[in-house]
Amino acid sequence: MQVKPKITFFIPNLDTPIPISFISEGIKAGFPSPAADFEELKLSLDHLLIKNKEATFYAKASGTSMIGAGIDDGDILVIDRSLEPRNNAVAICFIDGEFTVKRIKKENEEVFLMPENSNYKPIKMEPENELVIWGIVTYSIKQMK
């Protein structure tokens, strides 16, 4: 039986960004003003979402352990490997040979990988665990339902 990977990685191609229309004034979620003028610009989402192109990649989230952080199954995550891991950051973690996305929690000298769903338990790092923080999640891109 083939096991579905928890995270699929993609590398952004910033050499050929696709510019799309962007309304810079913002679109109101309340009552629209018929007299509102706006200027349409062109922008590349890669340029907007990526600060360090050499250290940034995308991954597709799988599962529901981070729904409280706004990360749903199928979301595309933007991960920056140049950012330092810090307490409460959402990170791509490689623990004991498997990838997962969790919030880093450091309490005294202990480190936990925290889910954002009460159906999942925190993972306490023990001396026998092998943990590598691959990068910090900076954005979650999702499809509307």
Protein backbone atom coordinates (compact mmCIF):
# COMPACT_ATOMS: atom_id res chain seq x y z
CA MET A 1 0.00 0.00 0.00
CA GLN A 2 1.38 3.39 -0.98
CA VAL A 3 1.36 6.09 1.73
CA LYS A 4 0.38 9.61 0.66
CA PRO A 5 3.10 12.14 1.63
CA LYS A 6 2.01 14.71 4.22
CA ILE A 7 3.64 17.66 2.44
CA THR A 8 4.41 18.09 -1.27
CA PHE A 9 7.13 20.63 -2.08
CA PHE A 10 7.21 23.11 -4.97
CA ILE A 11 9.96 25.58 -5.85
CA PRO A 12 8.77 28.96 -7.16
CA ASN A 13 10.07 30.03 -10.55
CA LEU A 14 10.68 33.76 -10.11
CA ASP A 15 12.46 34.07 -13.45
CA THR A 16 9.13 34.07 -15.28
CA PRO A 17 6.54 35.55 -12.91
CA ILE A 18 3.00 35.81 -14.21
CA PRO A 19 1.69 39.35 -13.63
CA ILE A 20 -2.00 39.52 -12.79
CA SER A 21 -4.38 42.41 -12.18
CA PHE A 22 -4.31 43.97 -8.72
CA ILE A 23 -6.72 46.55 -7.31
CA SER A 24 -4.49 48.48 -4.92
CA GLU A 25 -7.25 50.46 -3.17
CA GLY A 26 -8.75 47.32 -1.65
CA ILE A 27 -12.22 45.91 -2.13
CA LYS A 28 -14.71 46.60 0.63
CA ALA A 29 -16.40 43.61 2.22
CA GLY A 30 -19.27 45.82 3.40
CA PHE A 31 -21.64 48.04 1.39
CA PRO A 32 -20.02 48.91 -1.96
CA SER A 33 -19.69 52.53 -3.00
CA PRO A 34 -20.83 53.04 -6.61
CA ALA A 35 -18.61 56.12 -6.83
CA ALA A 36 -15.42 54.31 -5.74
CA ASP A 37 -12.57 54.76 -8.17
CA PHE A 38 -9.69 52.37 -8.23
CA GLU A 39 -6.50 51.96 -10.17
CA GLU A 40 -5.73 48.57 -11.64
CA LEU A 41 -2.08 47.60 -11.41
CA LYS A 42 -0.15 44.47 -12.38
CA LEU A 43 1.57 42.37 -9.77
CA SER A 44 3.15 38.96 -9.39
CA LEU A 45 2.08 36.93 -6.38
CA ASP A 46 5.59 35.47 -6.25
CA HIS A 47 7.03 38.96 -5.80
CA LEU A 48 4.40 39.84 -3.20
CA LEU A 49 4.72 36.63 -1.13
CA ILE A 50 8.44 35.88 -1.42
CA LYS A 51 11.06 38.00 0.33
CA ASN A 52 14.09 35.72 -0.22
CA LYS A 53 13.74 33.73 -3.44
CA GLU A 54 16.83 31.57 -2.85
CA ALA A 55 15.45 30.32 0.47
CA THR A 56 11.71 30.12 -0.27
CA PHE A 57 9.61 27.23 -1.48
CA TYR A 58 5.97 26.16 -1.54
CA ALA A 59 4.42 23.05 -0.01
CA LYS A 60 0.93 21.62 -0.16
CA ALA A 61 -0.53 20.93 3.29
CA SER A 62 -2.21 17.64 3.97
CA GLY A 63 -4.42 16.96 6.97
CA THR A 64 -6.29 18.99 9.57
CA SER A 65 -3.88 19.37 12.50
CA MET A 66 -3.35 23.12 11.86
CA ILE A 67 -6.88 24.34 11.11
CA GLY A 68 -6.79 26.68 14.12
CA ALA A 69 -3.84 28.48 12.51
CA GLY A 70 -5.80 28.90 9.27
CA ILE A 71 -4.04 26.02 7.46
CA ASP A 72 -6.50 23.62 5.85
CA ASP A 73 -5.99 20.40 3.92
CA GLY A 74 -4.83 21.30 0.41
CA ASP A 75 -3.60 24.82 1.21
CA ILE A 76 -0.39 25.96 -0.46
CA LEU A 77 2.13 27.09 2.15
CA VAL A 78 4.87 29.63 1.48
CA ILE A 79 7.95 28.64 3.50
CA ASP A 80 11.03 30.80 4.07
CA ARG A 81 14.16 28.88 5.10
CA SER A 82 16.09 32.09 5.82
CA LEU A 83 13.94 32.95 8.86
CA GLU A 84 15.15 31.88 12.30
CA PRO A 85 12.88 29.46 14.15
CA ARG A 86 11.26 31.24 17.10
CA ASN A 87 8.73 30.51 19.78
CA ASN A 88 5.14 30.41 18.41
CA ALA A 89 6.26 30.39 14.77
CA VAL A 90 4.50 27.96 12.43
CA ALA A 91 7.23 25.80 10.94
CA ILE A 92 7.85 22.96 8.53
CA CYS A 93 9.47 20.35 10.75
CA PHE A 94 11.30 17.17 9.79
CA ILE A 95 11.00 14.90 12.80
CA ASP A 96 12.33 11.37 12.86
CA GLY A 97 12.19 11.11 9.07
CA GLU A 98 8.74 12.64 8.51
CA PHE A 99 7.57 16.13 7.56
CA THR A 100 4.89 17.94 9.51
CA VAL A 101 3.72 21.52 9.94
CA LYS A 102 3.32 22.62 13.56
CA ARG A 103 3.70 25.63 15.83
CA ILE A 104 6.99 25.72 17.75
CA LYS A 105 6.59 26.09 21.50
CA LYS A 106 9.58 26.47 23.77
CA GLU A 107 8.84 26.24 27.47
CA ASN A 108 11.84 26.48 29.79
CA GLU A 109 14.28 24.03 28.20
CA GLU A 110 11.60 21.87 26.57
CA VAL A 111 10.47 22.08 22.93
CA PHE A 112 7.03 21.05 21.73
CA LEU A 113 5.52 20.89 18.25
CA MET A 114 1.98 22.11 18.75
CA PRO A 115 -1.00 21.27 16.57
CA GLU A 116 -3.80 23.81 16.19
CA ASN A 117 -6.60 21.26 16.44
CA SER A 118 -7.77 19.70 19.72
CA ASN A 119 -8.05 16.30 18.00
CA TYR A 120 -4.23 16.13 17.88
CA LYS A 121 -1.72 15.94 20.71
CA PRO A 122 1.41 18.08 21.09
CA ILE A 123 4.68 16.38 20.22
CA LYS A 124 7.24 16.76 22.98
CA MET A 125 10.81 16.67 21.74
CA GLU A 126 12.87 14.06 23.56
CA PRO A 127 16.66 13.57 23.33
CA GLU A 128 16.15 10.58 21.02
CA ASN A 129 14.09 12.62 18.54
CA GLU A 130 15.78 13.99 15.46
CA LEU A 131 14.29 17.40 14.60
CA VAL A 132 15.18 19.72 11.73
CA ILE A 133 13.26 22.97 11.20
CA TRP A 134 13.11 23.31 7.40
CA GLY A 135 11.58 26.75 7.37
CA ILE A 136 8.97 29.13 8.71
CA VAL A 137 5.53 29.35 7.11
CA THR A 138 4.89 32.94 6.05
CA TYR A 139 1.62 32.55 4.09
CA SER A 140 -1.15 30.01 3.54
CA ILE A 141 -2.91 30.22 0.19
CA LYS A 142 -6.30 28.57 0.07
CA GLN A 143 -9.12 27.86 -2.33
CA MET A 144 -12.49 29.28 -1.32
CA LYS A 145 -15.22 26.77 -0.60
